[in-house]
Amino acid sequence: MTLTDPLDAKGPLGTAAPAPPTVPTASPTPVFVSLKLALLRNGLRQSSGRRAAYITSLVLAMLFAVLQLLGLVLLRDTNHVDALVTLLTAVLALGWAVMPLFFPGGDETLDPTRLVMLPLRPRSLITALLVSSLIGIGPLFTLTLAAGSAVAVAHGAAAAVAAVVAVVLTVLVCVALARAVATANTRLLTSRRGRDLAVLSGLFVAIGAQFVNLGAQQLGGKNGLAVLEPAAQVLRWVPPAAAIDAVQGVSDGAYGVAAAQFALTAGALALLMWWWTGTLTHLMTTPDSSTLQAAAPRERRGSGAADTPDASGPFARLLPAGRSGTVLLRTLRYAVRDPKTKSAWVTSLGVGLLVPFVTAVQGNGSIYWACWASGMLGMLMYNQFGQDSSAFWMVAQTISSGRDAYLELRGRALALLLVAVPYVAVAVLGSAALQKNWPAAPEALGIALALLGSMMATGAMTSVLAPYSIPQDSGYKNVVPAQAGIAWLSILGGMVVGAVLCAPVLGLTIWLHVSGTHGWLWVVFPLGAVYGAALAETGLRLAAPRAAARLPEILAAVSKG
């Protein structure tokens, strides 16, 4: 009988133990793909609102992509179409690069920090993440746009083959670029400092949209697409635009230049994958602040009440006494201190002035564009309770009647109006100065104030009837996925009703213009101000008793984030 020592590395006494069998390591890519599909499918099963929002987003995105595809196909034999598709591809890649910085929560299923405990090597993990990232609306939109760009410049069999390679490289570079940027900035974006960065996102998107608008208007000039040639000459050597431009090179017979552009794009893809691997390895092997011992608290430099700042301050003494004044001060402090609220305020303030200013500078604007200021600031009234998230339970404890709810809503509305009224006046008067149309300022200001009042009224009602949660784990997502449909219906429905409520003031203005009684247009200003104030007060009084009656439902809805 042969004895075996269980603590010995050898087998039977005196003999060497056999080597353990080699277990082949399967690729995790199929598992990640099936996991992504399962998460997407199960997420859509959570609620009909989420399904409706996703399907609507998919239909709108694909409709826009198909229209662009058809437009590029129709431009196939147009002069300078190669410059257009080169610039379009470069802008598309720029969007993929910056969107993770401002909206990293768009695909939380691929968050690399959730994979730290998995026994996976970086190279296999990168491949699985890249393939999984190709599933979604964004990659499908990019594929359609890249295909249209390639078709627009492909002529001949060789160019058709080159077009297939260019489309694949373009999609891979865009997705890898987005994932590499997101991984490199994961800890920044999930920190408080990263959430403060969201303040800049609204202005970045707004300013970028206006630059796109200006560029699109330049295309309508006498030079047409020729104005894009200088930019295209530079971008044709910037991946992935270089791959699309290479298709035009193959069509023209410039095979050497096209090969260099393809090699440059492939090299850029390899460089992105190498950078992504390095940042992912560092992220998954380096402890963050949550795993490190907390630093010793700093010694207080003093003691007593002198070290505690005055909670009221000189501004608070100017506010009305009672609950409304307290709520007003609290709302303004949220606007300064809370990253999400601050982001919404900065975006609204920036866009509200940017749109009328840009249209005035272009020379084709109207003083009525200043109503953007009313619309953007008025939207801040929507989902008032959801802005408090789970902390709303503290407010809910103090609401026991419709009167309490009315004072709460009135304080929040007064905080917005304290900024919105002078802001709207500045927008209208600034537009009048830029367009040298001072006589139209009173009527424009009256319409803008009426719109502001209607937005306050509908915002109060939708805050009570359709509240939704704002997630706190991401500084950029403004609604939890299961409530996206509720958010869209709340905002769009409230805006439509608000526009309808402004119809009397708008109708009066049109009638005064049509009837030729221009001398009476000044009355639109006081009437619009009074009408807007009446609408706001009516909306608050209608919403208050409903808020008190639906308090448990509101609390449950806003606490899901």
Protein backbone atom coordinates (compact mmCIF):
# COMPACT_ATOMS: atom_id res chain seq x y z
CA MET A 1 0.00 0.00 0.00
CA THR A 2 1.38 3.40 -0.94
CA LEU A 3 1.03 6.30 1.46
CA THR A 4 0.58 9.90 0.39
CA ASP A 5 1.66 12.85 2.48
CA PRO A 6 -1.05 15.50 2.11
CA LEU A 7 1.40 18.28 3.09
CA ASP A 8 4.10 17.17 0.73
CA ALA A 9 4.38 18.67 -2.73
CA LYS A 10 5.16 15.20 -4.02
CA GLY A 11 2.81 12.38 -4.80
CA PRO A 12 3.22 8.93 -3.34
CA LEU A 13 6.22 8.85 -1.01
CA GLY A 14 9.36 8.94 -3.03
CA THR A 15 7.72 9.97 -6.29
CA ALA A 16 7.08 13.37 -7.85
CA ALA A 17 3.53 14.68 -7.96
CA PRO A 18 2.04 15.01 -11.41
CA ALA A 19 1.69 18.52 -12.76
CA PRO A 20 -1.82 19.97 -12.46
CA PRO A 21 -3.76 19.85 -15.67
CA THR A 22 -3.76 22.99 -17.74
CA VAL A 23 -7.20 24.52 -17.91
CA PRO A 24 -7.73 26.58 -21.03
CA THR A 25 -8.87 30.11 -20.29
CA ALA A 26 -12.00 30.98 -22.23
CA SER A 27 -12.46 34.45 -23.63
CA PRO A 28 -14.79 36.60 -21.50
CA THR A 29 -16.06 38.45 -24.57
CA PRO A 30 -19.19 36.30 -25.14
CA VAL A 31 -20.01 36.56 -21.44
CA PHE A 32 -19.72 40.36 -21.51
CA VAL A 33 -21.83 40.61 -24.64
CA SER A 34 -24.57 38.43 -23.19
CA LEU A 35 -24.33 40.37 -19.91
CA LYS A 36 -24.75 43.66 -21.74
CA LEU A 37 -27.78 42.35 -23.61
CA ALA A 38 -29.27 40.90 -20.43
CA LEU A 39 -28.82 44.15 -18.53
CA LEU A 40 -30.39 46.08 -21.37
CA ARG A 41 -33.30 43.65 -21.63
CA ASN A 42 -33.93 43.51 -17.90
CA GLY A 43 -33.68 47.27 -17.62
CA LEU A 44 -36.39 47.71 -20.22
CA ARG A 45 -38.62 45.30 -18.32
CA GLN A 46 -38.56 47.46 -15.20
CA SER A 47 -41.18 49.94 -16.34
CA SER A 48 -43.20 50.94 -19.36
CA GLY A 49 -41.87 54.49 -19.03
CA ARG A 50 -38.32 53.30 -19.46
CA ARG A 51 -39.25 51.19 -22.47
CA ALA A 52 -41.07 54.13 -24.04
CA ALA A 53 -38.13 56.46 -23.44
CA TYR A 54 -35.61 53.98 -24.86
CA ILE A 55 -37.68 53.16 -27.91
CA THR A 56 -38.33 56.85 -28.54
CA SER A 57 -34.63 57.64 -28.26
CA LEU A 58 -33.77 54.77 -30.59
CA VAL A 59 -36.35 55.82 -33.18
CA LEU A 60 -35.31 59.49 -33.13
CA ALA A 61 -31.59 58.69 -33.27
CA MET A 62 -31.98 56.25 -36.13
CA LEU A 63 -34.35 58.56 -38.00
CA PHE A 64 -31.76 61.32 -37.80
CA ALA A 65 -28.99 58.90 -38.80
CA VAL A 66 -30.95 57.55 -41.78
CA LEU A 67 -31.73 61.08 -42.96
CA GLN A 68 -28.04 61.94 -42.76
CA LEU A 69 -27.20 58.74 -44.61
CA LEU A 70 -29.59 59.61 -47.41
CA GLY A 71 -28.28 63.16 -47.53
CA LEU A 72 -24.69 61.98 -47.87
CA VAL A 73 -25.66 59.53 -50.59
CA LEU A 74 -27.38 62.33 -52.50
CA LEU A 75 -24.18 64.40 -52.22
CA ARG A 76 -22.14 61.58 -53.73
CA ASP A 77 -21.17 63.40 -56.95
CA THR A 78 -21.05 66.88 -55.43
CA ASN A 79 -17.85 68.91 -55.43
CA HIS A 80 -15.98 69.08 -52.12
CA VAL A 81 -18.08 66.31 -50.58
CA ASP A 82 -14.80 64.74 -49.41
CA ALA A 83 -14.15 67.83 -47.26
CA LEU A 84 -17.63 67.53 -45.77
CA VAL A 85 -17.32 63.88 -44.75
CA THR A 86 -13.80 64.43 -43.39
CA LEU A 87 -14.97 67.27 -41.18
CA LEU A 88 -18.11 65.35 -40.18
CA THR A 89 -16.07 62.33 -39.07
CA ALA A 90 -13.72 64.53 -37.06
CA VAL A 91 -16.64 66.21 -35.27
CA LEU A 92 -18.14 62.78 -34.58
CA ALA A 93 -14.89 61.58 -33.01
CA LEU A 94 -14.69 64.77 -30.94
CA GLY A 95 -18.16 64.06 -29.62
CA TRP A 96 -17.14 60.56 -28.59
CA ALA A 97 -14.07 61.98 -26.83
CA VAL A 98 -15.82 64.66 -24.76
CA MET A 99 -19.18 63.08 -23.99
CA PRO A 100 -17.74 60.66 -21.38
CA LEU A 101 -16.36 63.66 -19.50
CA PHE A 102 -19.72 65.37 -19.27
CA PHE A 103 -22.10 62.41 -19.35
CA PRO A 104 -20.20 59.37 -18.00
CA GLY A 105 -23.40 57.76 -16.71
CA GLY A 106 -24.68 57.12 -20.20
CA ASP A 107 -23.49 53.49 -20.10
CA GLU A 108 -23.07 52.56 -16.47
CA THR A 109 -23.14 48.83 -17.31
CA LEU A 110 -19.52 49.09 -18.47
CA ASP A 111 -18.16 50.94 -15.45
CA PRO A 112 -14.65 49.47 -14.98
CA THR A 113 -14.68 50.00 -11.22
CA ARG A 114 -17.37 47.31 -10.95
CA LEU A 115 -14.98 44.72 -12.37
CA VAL A 116 -12.15 45.12 -9.87
CA MET A 117 -12.81 41.83 -8.06
CA LEU A 118 -13.02 39.71 -11.21
CA PRO A 119 -9.98 37.51 -11.96
CA LEU A 120 -9.46 38.89 -15.46
CA ARG A 121 -6.30 40.00 -17.20
CA PRO A 122 -6.32 43.52 -18.68
CA ARG A 123 -5.88 42.41 -22.28
CA SER A 124 -8.83 40.02 -22.31
CA LEU A 125 -10.89 42.48 -20.29
CA ILE A 126 -10.16 45.29 -22.76
CA THR A 127 -11.26 43.15 -25.68
CA ALA A 128 -14.47 42.16 -23.94
CA LEU A 129 -15.23 45.75 -22.99
CA LEU A 130 -14.57 47.01 -26.51
CA VAL A 131 -16.88 44.46 -28.11
CA SER A 132 -19.57 45.07 -25.48
CA SER A 133 -19.29 48.80 -26.09
CA LEU A 134 -20.35 48.28 -29.70
CA ILE A 135 -23.86 47.43 -28.49
CA GLY A 136 -26.03 50.49 -28.13
CA ILE A 137 -27.64 53.44 -29.85
CA GLY A 138 -24.44 55.47 -30.04
CA PRO A 139 -22.35 52.90 -31.93
CA LEU A 140 -25.27 52.18 -34.27
CA PHE A 141 -25.62 55.89 -35.00
CA THR A 142 -21.88 56.15 -35.61
CA LEU A 143 -21.91 53.14 -37.92
CA THR A 144 -24.71 54.63 -40.01
CA LEU A 145 -23.01 58.01 -40.26
CA ALA A 146 -19.63 56.50 -41.11
CA ALA A 147 -21.21 54.27 -43.75
CA GLY A 148 -22.90 57.26 -45.35
CA SER A 149 -19.64 59.20 -45.36
CA ALA A 150 -17.78 56.33 -46.98
CA VAL A 151 -20.46 55.79 -49.63
CA ALA A 152 -20.37 59.49 -50.51
CA VAL A 153 -16.70 59.31 -51.60
CA ALA A 154 -16.34 55.69 -52.75
CA HIS A 155 -16.06 55.19 -56.54
CA GLY A 156 -15.00 51.82 -57.88
CA ALA A 157 -14.45 48.33 -56.52
CA ALA A 158 -11.19 49.16 -54.75
CA ALA A 159 -12.78 52.16 -53.06
CA ALA A 160 -15.71 49.98 -51.94
CA VAL A 161 -13.31 47.61 -50.19
CA ALA A 162 -11.48 50.56 -48.68
CA ALA A 163 -14.81 51.97 -47.51
CA VAL A 164 -15.55 48.82 -45.49
CA VAL A 165 -12.15 49.03 -43.81
CA ALA A 166 -12.62 52.76 -43.15
CA VAL A 167 -16.03 52.29 -41.55
CA VAL A 168 -14.78 49.53 -39.24
CA LEU A 169 -11.74 51.57 -38.21
CA THR A 170 -13.85 54.68 -37.62
CA VAL A 171 -16.30 52.93 -35.33
CA LEU A 172 -13.55 51.15 -33.39
CA VAL A 173 -11.51 54.33 -32.92
CA CYS A 174 -14.54 56.29 -31.72
CA VAL A 175 -15.60 53.65 -29.20
CA ALA A 176 -12.05 53.00 -27.98
CA LEU A 177 -11.45 56.74 -27.62
CA ALA A 178 -14.57 57.18 -25.50
CA ARG A 179 -13.75 54.22 -23.25
CA ALA A 180 -10.11 55.23 -22.83
CA VAL A 181 -11.05 58.78 -21.87
CA ALA A 182 -13.74 57.58 -19.48
CA THR A 183 -11.42 55.05 -17.82
CA ALA A 184 -8.62 57.59 -17.43
CA ASN A 185 -10.97 60.00 -15.69
CA THR A 186 -13.15 57.56 -13.74
CA ARG A 187 -12.05 58.65 -10.29
CA LEU A 188 -12.22 62.31 -11.20
CA LEU A 189 -15.72 61.95 -12.59
CA THR A 190 -17.00 60.06 -9.54
CA SER A 191 -15.51 62.54 -7.07
CA ARG A 192 -16.93 65.79 -5.77
CA ARG A 193 -14.52 67.71 -7.95
CA GLY A 194 -15.71 65.76 -10.95
CA ARG A 195 -19.32 66.54 -10.12
CA ASP A 196 -18.39 70.21 -10.00
CA LEU A 197 -17.03 69.80 -13.51
CA ALA A 198 -20.61 69.23 -14.62
CA VAL A 199 -21.14 72.96 -14.22
CA LEU A 200 -19.17 73.45 -17.41
CA SER A 201 -20.92 70.74 -19.40
CA GLY A 202 -24.07 72.70 -20.16
CA LEU A 203 -22.14 75.71 -21.40
CA PHE A 204 -19.81 73.49 -23.42
CA VAL A 205 -22.69 71.80 -25.20
CA ALA A 206 -24.54 75.07 -25.71
CA ILE A 207 -21.54 76.92 -27.11
CA GLY A 208 -20.61 73.96 -29.28
CA ALA A 209 -24.13 73.80 -30.68
CA GLN A 210 -23.98 77.48 -31.57
CA PHE A 211 -20.65 77.02 -33.36
CA VAL A 212 -22.21 74.17 -35.33
CA ASN A 213 -25.13 76.45 -36.13
CA LEU A 214 -22.81 79.20 -37.37
CA GLY A 215 -20.85 76.72 -39.45
CA ALA A 216 -24.02 75.29 -41.01
CA GLN A 217 -25.12 78.80 -41.99
CA GLN A 218 -21.79 79.40 -43.69
CA LEU A 219 -22.46 76.39 -45.90
CA GLY A 220 -25.49 78.18 -47.30
CA GLY A 221 -23.33 80.94 -48.78
CA LYS A 222 -22.15 81.30 -52.33
CA ASN A 223 -19.03 79.18 -51.75
CA GLY A 224 -20.99 76.18 -50.48
CA LEU A 225 -18.90 73.23 -49.34
CA ALA A 226 -15.71 74.92 -50.55
CA VAL A 227 -15.45 76.77 -47.24
CA LEU A 228 -14.65 73.43 -45.57
CA GLU A 229 -11.52 72.74 -47.62
CA PRO A 230 -8.99 74.55 -45.37
CA ALA A 231 -10.16 72.65 -42.29
CA ALA A 232 -10.38 69.38 -44.20
CA GLN A 233 -6.76 69.69 -45.37
CA VAL A 234 -5.68 69.54 -41.75
CA LEU A 235 -8.22 67.00 -40.46
CA ARG A 236 -7.55 64.54 -43.26
CA TRP A 237 -4.47 63.46 -41.30
CA VAL A 238 -6.28 63.21 -37.97
CA PRO A 239 -7.76 59.75 -37.18
CA PRO A 240 -10.43 58.56 -37.70
CA ALA A 241 -11.16 61.24 -40.32
CA ALA A 242 -8.01 60.05 -42.09
CA ALA A 243 -9.61 56.66 -42.75
CA ILE A 244 -12.67 58.22 -44.42
CA ASP A 245 -10.48 60.55 -46.46
CA ALA A 246 -8.44 57.53 -47.54
CA VAL A 247 -11.49 56.21 -49.37
CA GLN A 248 -11.46 59.35 -51.51
CA GLY A 249 -7.75 58.76 -52.09
CA VAL A 250 -8.39 55.23 -53.34
CA SER A 251 -11.13 56.57 -55.65
CA ASP A 252 -8.63 59.06 -57.08
CA GLY A 253 -5.88 56.46 -57.44
CA ALA A 254 -3.67 57.89 -54.68
CA TYR A 255 -2.99 54.50 -53.16
CA GLY A 256 0.18 55.52 -51.34
CA VAL A 257 -1.48 58.39 -49.50
CA ALA A 258 -4.50 56.23 -48.70
CA ALA A 259 -2.28 53.47 -47.29
CA ALA A 260 -0.52 56.02 -45.09
CA GLN A 261 -3.86 57.30 -43.81
CA PHE A 262 -5.09 53.79 -43.05
CA ALA A 263 -1.82 53.02 -41.26
CA LEU A 264 -2.14 56.22 -39.25
CA THR A 265 -5.68 55.32 -38.17
CA ALA A 266 -4.73 51.76 -37.28
CA GLY A 267 -1.77 53.09 -35.29
CA ALA A 268 -4.07 55.49 -33.46
CA LEU A 269 -6.37 52.58 -32.59
CA ALA A 270 -3.44 50.55 -31.26
CA LEU A 271 -2.23 53.55 -29.25
CA LEU A 272 -5.68 54.05 -27.75
CA MET A 273 -5.89 50.39 -26.80
CA TRP A 274 -2.45 50.59 -25.17
CA TRP A 275 -3.44 53.72 -23.23
CA TRP A 276 -6.75 52.16 -22.25
CA THR A 277 -4.98 49.01 -20.99
CA GLY A 278 -2.56 51.04 -18.91
CA THR A 279 -5.19 53.25 -17.31
CA LEU A 280 -7.47 50.28 -16.62
CA THR A 281 -4.64 48.36 -14.96
CA HIS A 282 -3.78 51.36 -12.83
CA LEU A 283 -7.41 51.92 -11.91
CA MET A 284 -8.01 48.31 -10.86
CA THR A 285 -4.77 47.86 -8.91
CA THR A 286 -4.37 51.21 -7.15
CA PRO A 287 -6.41 51.95 -4.00
CA ASP A 288 -8.57 55.03 -3.95
CA SER A 289 -9.43 57.34 -1.08
CA SER A 290 -12.20 55.04 0.13
CA THR A 291 -9.67 52.29 0.91
CA LEU A 292 -7.04 54.46 2.52
CA GLN A 293 -6.96 55.41 6.14
CA ALA A 294 -8.61 58.77 6.68
CA ALA A 295 -6.25 61.59 7.37
CA ALA A 296 -6.16 62.99 10.85
CA PRO A 297 -8.55 65.87 11.24
CA ARG A 298 -7.01 69.28 11.18
CA GLU A 299 -6.75 71.11 14.44
CA ARG A 300 -9.23 73.82 14.85
CA ARG A 301 -7.59 77.21 14.88
CA GLY A 302 -10.05 78.54 17.39
CA SER A 303 -12.98 77.56 19.45
CA GLY A 304 -16.39 78.81 20.28
CA ALA A 305 -19.03 80.55 18.24
CA ALA A 306 -16.51 82.87 16.62
CA ASP A 307 -15.31 80.01 14.37
CA THR A 308 -18.80 79.23 13.10
CA PRO A 309 -19.95 81.42 10.20
CA ASP A 310 -23.21 83.22 10.60
CA ALA A 311 -25.88 80.97 9.15
CA SER A 312 -28.11 83.85 8.30
CA GLY A 313 -25.81 86.50 6.90
CA PRO A 314 -26.74 90.02 5.85
CA PHE A 315 -28.75 88.82 2.84
CA ALA A 316 -31.00 86.63 5.00
CA ARG A 317 -32.04 89.65 7.06
CA LEU A 318 -33.59 91.17 3.93
CA LEU A 319 -35.84 88.18 3.34
CA PRO A 320 -39.43 87.97 4.54
CA ALA A 321 -39.96 86.25 7.85
CA GLY A 322 -41.56 82.84 7.96
CA ARG A 323 -41.26 79.66 5.99
CA SER A 324 -41.17 81.22 2.53
CA GLY A 325 -38.09 83.30 3.39
CA THR A 326 -36.34 80.26 4.86
CA VAL A 327 -37.12 78.15 1.79
CA LEU A 328 -35.95 80.96 -0.48
CA LEU A 329 -32.58 81.14 1.27
CA ARG A 330 -32.22 77.35 1.24
CA THR A 331 -32.96 77.21 -2.50
CA LEU A 332 -30.36 79.85 -3.29
CA ARG A 333 -27.78 78.04 -1.17
CA TYR A 334 -28.46 74.82 -3.08
CA ALA A 335 -27.86 76.74 -6.30
CA VAL A 336 -24.42 77.76 -5.06
CA ARG A 337 -23.29 74.64 -3.20
CA ASP A 338 -24.95 71.58 -4.72
CA PRO A 339 -23.14 70.44 -7.91
CA LYS A 340 -26.27 69.24 -9.69
CA THR A 341 -28.29 72.33 -8.88
CA LYS A 342 -25.35 74.54 -9.75
CA SER A 343 -24.98 72.79 -13.09
CA ALA A 344 -28.65 73.37 -13.93
CA TRP A 345 -28.47 77.03 -12.99
CA VAL A 346 -25.28 77.71 -14.95
CA THR A 347 -26.60 75.90 -18.01
CA SER A 348 -29.88 77.80 -17.96
CA LEU A 349 -28.22 81.15 -17.39
CA GLY A 350 -25.66 80.55 -20.13
CA VAL A 351 -28.01 79.24 -22.80
CA GLY A 352 -30.67 81.84 -22.01
CA LEU A 353 -28.31 84.66 -22.97
CA LEU A 354 -26.27 82.81 -25.57
CA VAL A 355 -29.10 82.08 -28.00
CA PRO A 356 -30.45 85.66 -28.33
CA PHE A 357 -26.90 87.04 -28.44
CA VAL A 358 -25.78 84.72 -31.24
CA THR A 359 -28.89 85.35 -33.32
CA ALA A 360 -28.48 89.11 -32.86
CA VAL A 361 -24.83 89.01 -33.92
CA GLN A 362 -25.75 86.99 -37.00
CA GLY A 363 -28.11 89.75 -38.05
CA ASN A 364 -31.10 87.46 -38.55
CA GLY A 365 -32.39 87.39 -34.99
CA SER A 366 -35.43 88.90 -33.39
CA ILE A 367 -35.92 90.55 -30.04
CA TYR A 368 -38.40 87.79 -29.23
CA TRP A 369 -35.49 85.35 -29.04
CA ALA A 370 -34.97 86.83 -25.57
CA CYS A 371 -37.86 84.61 -24.47
CA TRP A 372 -35.26 81.85 -24.32
CA ALA A 373 -34.18 83.42 -21.04
CA SER A 374 -37.67 82.94 -19.61
CA GLY A 375 -37.92 79.40 -20.87
CA MET A 376 -34.53 78.29 -19.55
CA LEU A 377 -34.99 79.83 -16.10
CA GLY A 378 -38.60 78.67 -15.93
CA MET A 379 -37.54 75.07 -16.48
CA LEU A 380 -35.68 75.20 -13.15
CA MET A 381 -39.09 75.21 -11.46
CA TYR A 382 -39.79 71.71 -12.78
CA ASN A 383 -39.25 68.73 -10.46
CA GLN A 384 -38.66 70.91 -7.41
CA PHE A 385 -39.00 68.05 -4.94
CA GLY A 386 -36.85 65.72 -7.01
CA GLN A 387 -33.95 68.14 -6.68
CA ASP A 388 -33.86 67.32 -2.96
CA SER A 389 -33.59 63.59 -3.72
CA SER A 390 -33.85 61.38 -0.61
CA ALA A 391 -33.35 64.43 1.63
CA PHE A 392 -36.88 65.48 0.73
CA TRP A 393 -38.13 63.38 3.65
CA MET A 394 -36.88 66.14 5.97
CA VAL A 395 -39.00 68.68 4.11
CA ALA A 396 -41.94 66.28 4.02
CA GLN A 397 -41.91 66.07 7.82
CA THR A 398 -42.78 69.77 7.97
CA ILE A 399 -45.71 69.62 5.53
CA SER A 400 -48.96 68.75 7.23
CA SER A 401 -51.43 70.88 5.29
CA GLY A 402 -51.99 72.61 2.02
CA ARG A 403 -50.85 75.87 3.62
CA ASP A 404 -47.46 74.36 4.48
CA ALA A 405 -47.09 73.04 0.93
CA TYR A 406 -48.05 76.44 -0.50
CA LEU A 407 -45.42 78.25 1.56
CA GLU A 408 -42.81 75.67 0.53
CA LEU A 409 -43.58 76.02 -3.16
CA ARG A 410 -43.85 79.80 -2.93
CA GLY A 411 -40.41 80.06 -1.32
CA ARG A 412 -38.88 77.98 -4.11
CA ALA A 413 -40.64 80.06 -6.76
CA LEU A 414 -39.54 83.32 -5.16
CA ALA A 415 -35.92 82.15 -5.22
CA LEU A 416 -36.17 81.58 -8.97
CA LEU A 417 -38.00 84.83 -9.59
CA LEU A 418 -35.43 86.77 -7.60
CA VAL A 419 -32.89 85.86 -10.27
CA ALA A 420 -35.16 85.32 -13.27
CA VAL A 421 -36.94 88.68 -13.40
CA PRO A 422 -33.81 90.87 -13.64
CA TYR A 423 -32.17 88.23 -15.83
CA VAL A 424 -35.05 88.29 -18.32
CA ALA A 425 -35.00 92.09 -18.30
CA VAL A 426 -31.28 92.07 -19.11
CA ALA A 427 -31.84 89.58 -21.93
CA VAL A 428 -34.62 91.64 -23.51
CA LEU A 429 -32.90 95.00 -23.14
CA GLY A 430 -29.61 93.54 -24.36
CA SER A 431 -31.31 92.14 -27.45
CA ALA A 432 -32.98 95.50 -28.07
CA ALA A 433 -29.60 97.24 -27.83
CA LEU A 434 -27.83 94.80 -30.16
CA GLN A 435 -30.61 94.95 -32.74
CA LYS A 436 -31.31 98.67 -32.20
CA ASN A 437 -34.98 97.91 -31.76
CA TRP A 438 -35.85 99.78 -28.56
CA PRO A 439 -39.52 100.37 -29.46
CA ALA A 440 -40.17 96.59 -29.36
CA ALA A 441 -38.61 96.17 -25.90
CA PRO A 442 -41.83 96.70 -23.83
CA GLU A 443 -43.88 94.13 -25.75
CA ALA A 444 -41.03 91.60 -25.78
CA LEU A 445 -40.53 92.04 -22.04
CA GLY A 446 -44.26 91.57 -21.42
CA ILE A 447 -44.33 88.33 -23.41
CA ALA A 448 -41.17 87.08 -21.67
CA LEU A 449 -42.62 87.77 -18.20
CA ALA A 450 -45.90 86.08 -19.13
CA LEU A 451 -43.94 83.04 -20.32
CA LEU A 452 -41.93 83.03 -17.11
CA GLY A 453 -45.11 83.08 -15.02
CA SER A 454 -46.65 80.25 -17.03
CA MET A 455 -43.50 78.15 -16.58
CA MET A 456 -43.66 78.76 -12.85
CA ALA A 457 -47.28 77.59 -12.78
CA THR A 458 -46.74 74.45 -14.87
CA GLY A 459 -43.48 73.72 -13.05
CA ALA A 460 -45.26 73.71 -9.71
CA MET A 461 -47.96 71.38 -11.03
CA THR A 462 -45.58 68.92 -12.70
CA SER A 463 -43.39 68.89 -9.58
CA VAL A 464 -46.39 67.53 -7.71
CA LEU A 465 -48.07 65.38 -10.35
CA ALA A 466 -44.98 63.90 -12.05
CA PRO A 467 -42.00 63.96 -9.68
CA TYR A 468 -38.93 61.89 -10.48
CA SER A 469 -35.64 61.12 -8.78
CA ILE A 470 -32.29 62.68 -9.65
CA PRO A 471 -29.51 60.13 -8.95
CA GLN A 472 -26.78 61.29 -6.58
CA ASP A 473 -24.11 58.74 -7.56
CA SER A 474 -23.41 60.54 -10.84
CA GLY A 475 -22.86 64.23 -11.32
CA TYR A 476 -24.24 64.14 -14.82
CA LYS A 477 -27.33 61.95 -14.93
CA ASN A 478 -30.46 63.95 -14.21
CA VAL A 479 -32.96 61.12 -13.95
CA VAL A 480 -32.84 57.47 -12.94
CA PRO A 481 -33.34 55.13 -15.94
CA ALA A 482 -36.69 53.77 -14.76
CA GLN A 483 -38.19 57.28 -14.64
CA ALA A 484 -36.87 58.71 -17.90
CA GLY A 485 -40.32 58.57 -19.50
CA ILE A 486 -41.85 60.45 -16.57
CA ALA A 487 -39.19 63.14 -16.87
CA TRP A 488 -39.75 63.62 -20.59
CA LEU A 489 -43.50 63.79 -20.21
CA SER A 490 -43.20 66.22 -17.30
CA ILE A 491 -40.88 68.64 -19.08
CA LEU A 492 -42.36 68.50 -22.56
CA GLY A 493 -45.96 68.47 -21.36
CA GLY A 494 -45.34 71.36 -19.01
CA MET A 495 -43.64 73.40 -21.72
CA VAL A 496 -46.52 72.84 -24.15
CA VAL A 497 -49.11 73.84 -21.56
CA GLY A 498 -47.01 76.84 -20.58
CA ALA A 499 -46.86 78.02 -24.18
CA VAL A 500 -50.63 77.64 -24.47
CA LEU A 501 -51.16 79.69 -21.32
CA CYS A 502 -49.20 82.55 -22.91
CA ALA A 503 -51.59 82.66 -25.87
CA PRO A 504 -53.68 85.62 -24.58
CA VAL A 505 -50.66 87.93 -24.25
CA LEU A 506 -49.24 86.75 -27.55
CA GLY A 507 -52.62 87.16 -29.25
CA LEU A 508 -52.94 90.70 -27.90
CA THR A 509 -49.52 91.58 -29.28
CA ILE A 510 -50.34 90.18 -32.71
CA TRP A 511 -53.71 91.98 -32.77
CA LEU A 512 -52.10 95.31 -31.92
CA HIS A 513 -49.60 94.83 -34.74
CA VAL A 514 -52.20 93.74 -37.30
CA SER A 515 -54.68 96.47 -36.39
CA GLY A 516 -52.04 99.15 -36.75
CA THR A 517 -52.39 100.43 -33.19
CA HIS A 518 -48.66 100.35 -32.53
CA GLY A 519 -48.96 103.19 -30.07
CA TRP A 520 -50.63 100.84 -27.58
CA LEU A 521 -48.00 98.08 -27.73
CA TRP A 522 -46.46 99.38 -24.53
CA VAL A 523 -49.43 98.02 -22.59
CA VAL A 524 -48.20 94.48 -23.30
CA PHE A 525 -45.46 95.01 -20.71
CA PRO A 526 -47.64 95.71 -17.63
CA LEU A 527 -50.36 93.31 -18.77
CA GLY A 528 -47.84 90.55 -19.40
CA ALA A 529 -46.21 91.10 -16.00
CA VAL A 530 -49.54 91.03 -14.17
CA TYR A 531 -50.78 88.05 -16.19
CA GLY A 532 -47.58 86.12 -15.54
CA ALA A 533 -47.76 86.83 -11.80
CA ALA A 534 -51.41 85.71 -11.74
CA LEU A 535 -50.52 82.48 -13.56
CA ALA A 536 -47.69 81.74 -11.15
CA GLU A 537 -49.88 82.36 -8.11
CA THR A 538 -52.68 80.24 -9.53
CA GLY A 539 -50.32 77.39 -10.26
CA LEU A 540 -48.91 77.48 -6.73
CA ARG A 541 -52.37 77.47 -5.15
CA LEU A 542 -53.54 74.59 -7.32
CA ALA A 543 -50.41 72.54 -6.70
CA ALA A 544 -50.23 73.06 -2.91
CA PRO A 545 -53.22 70.94 -1.78
CA ARG A 546 -52.26 68.23 -4.23
CA ALA A 547 -48.73 68.20 -2.85
CA ALA A 548 -50.02 67.75 0.69
CA ALA A 549 -52.36 64.94 -0.40
CA ARG A 550 -49.73 63.12 -2.50
CA LEU A 551 -46.84 63.52 -0.10
CA PRO A 552 -46.13 59.75 0.32
CA GLU A 553 -46.15 59.21 -3.45
CA ILE A 554 -43.87 62.17 -4.04
CA LEU A 555 -41.47 61.00 -1.35
CA ALA A 556 -41.33 57.51 -2.83
CA ALA A 557 -40.78 58.85 -6.36
CA VAL A 558 -37.94 61.24 -5.52
CA SER A 559 -36.10 58.82 -3.21
CA LYS A 560 -35.28 56.20 -5.84
CA GLY A 561 -31.96 57.76 -6.75
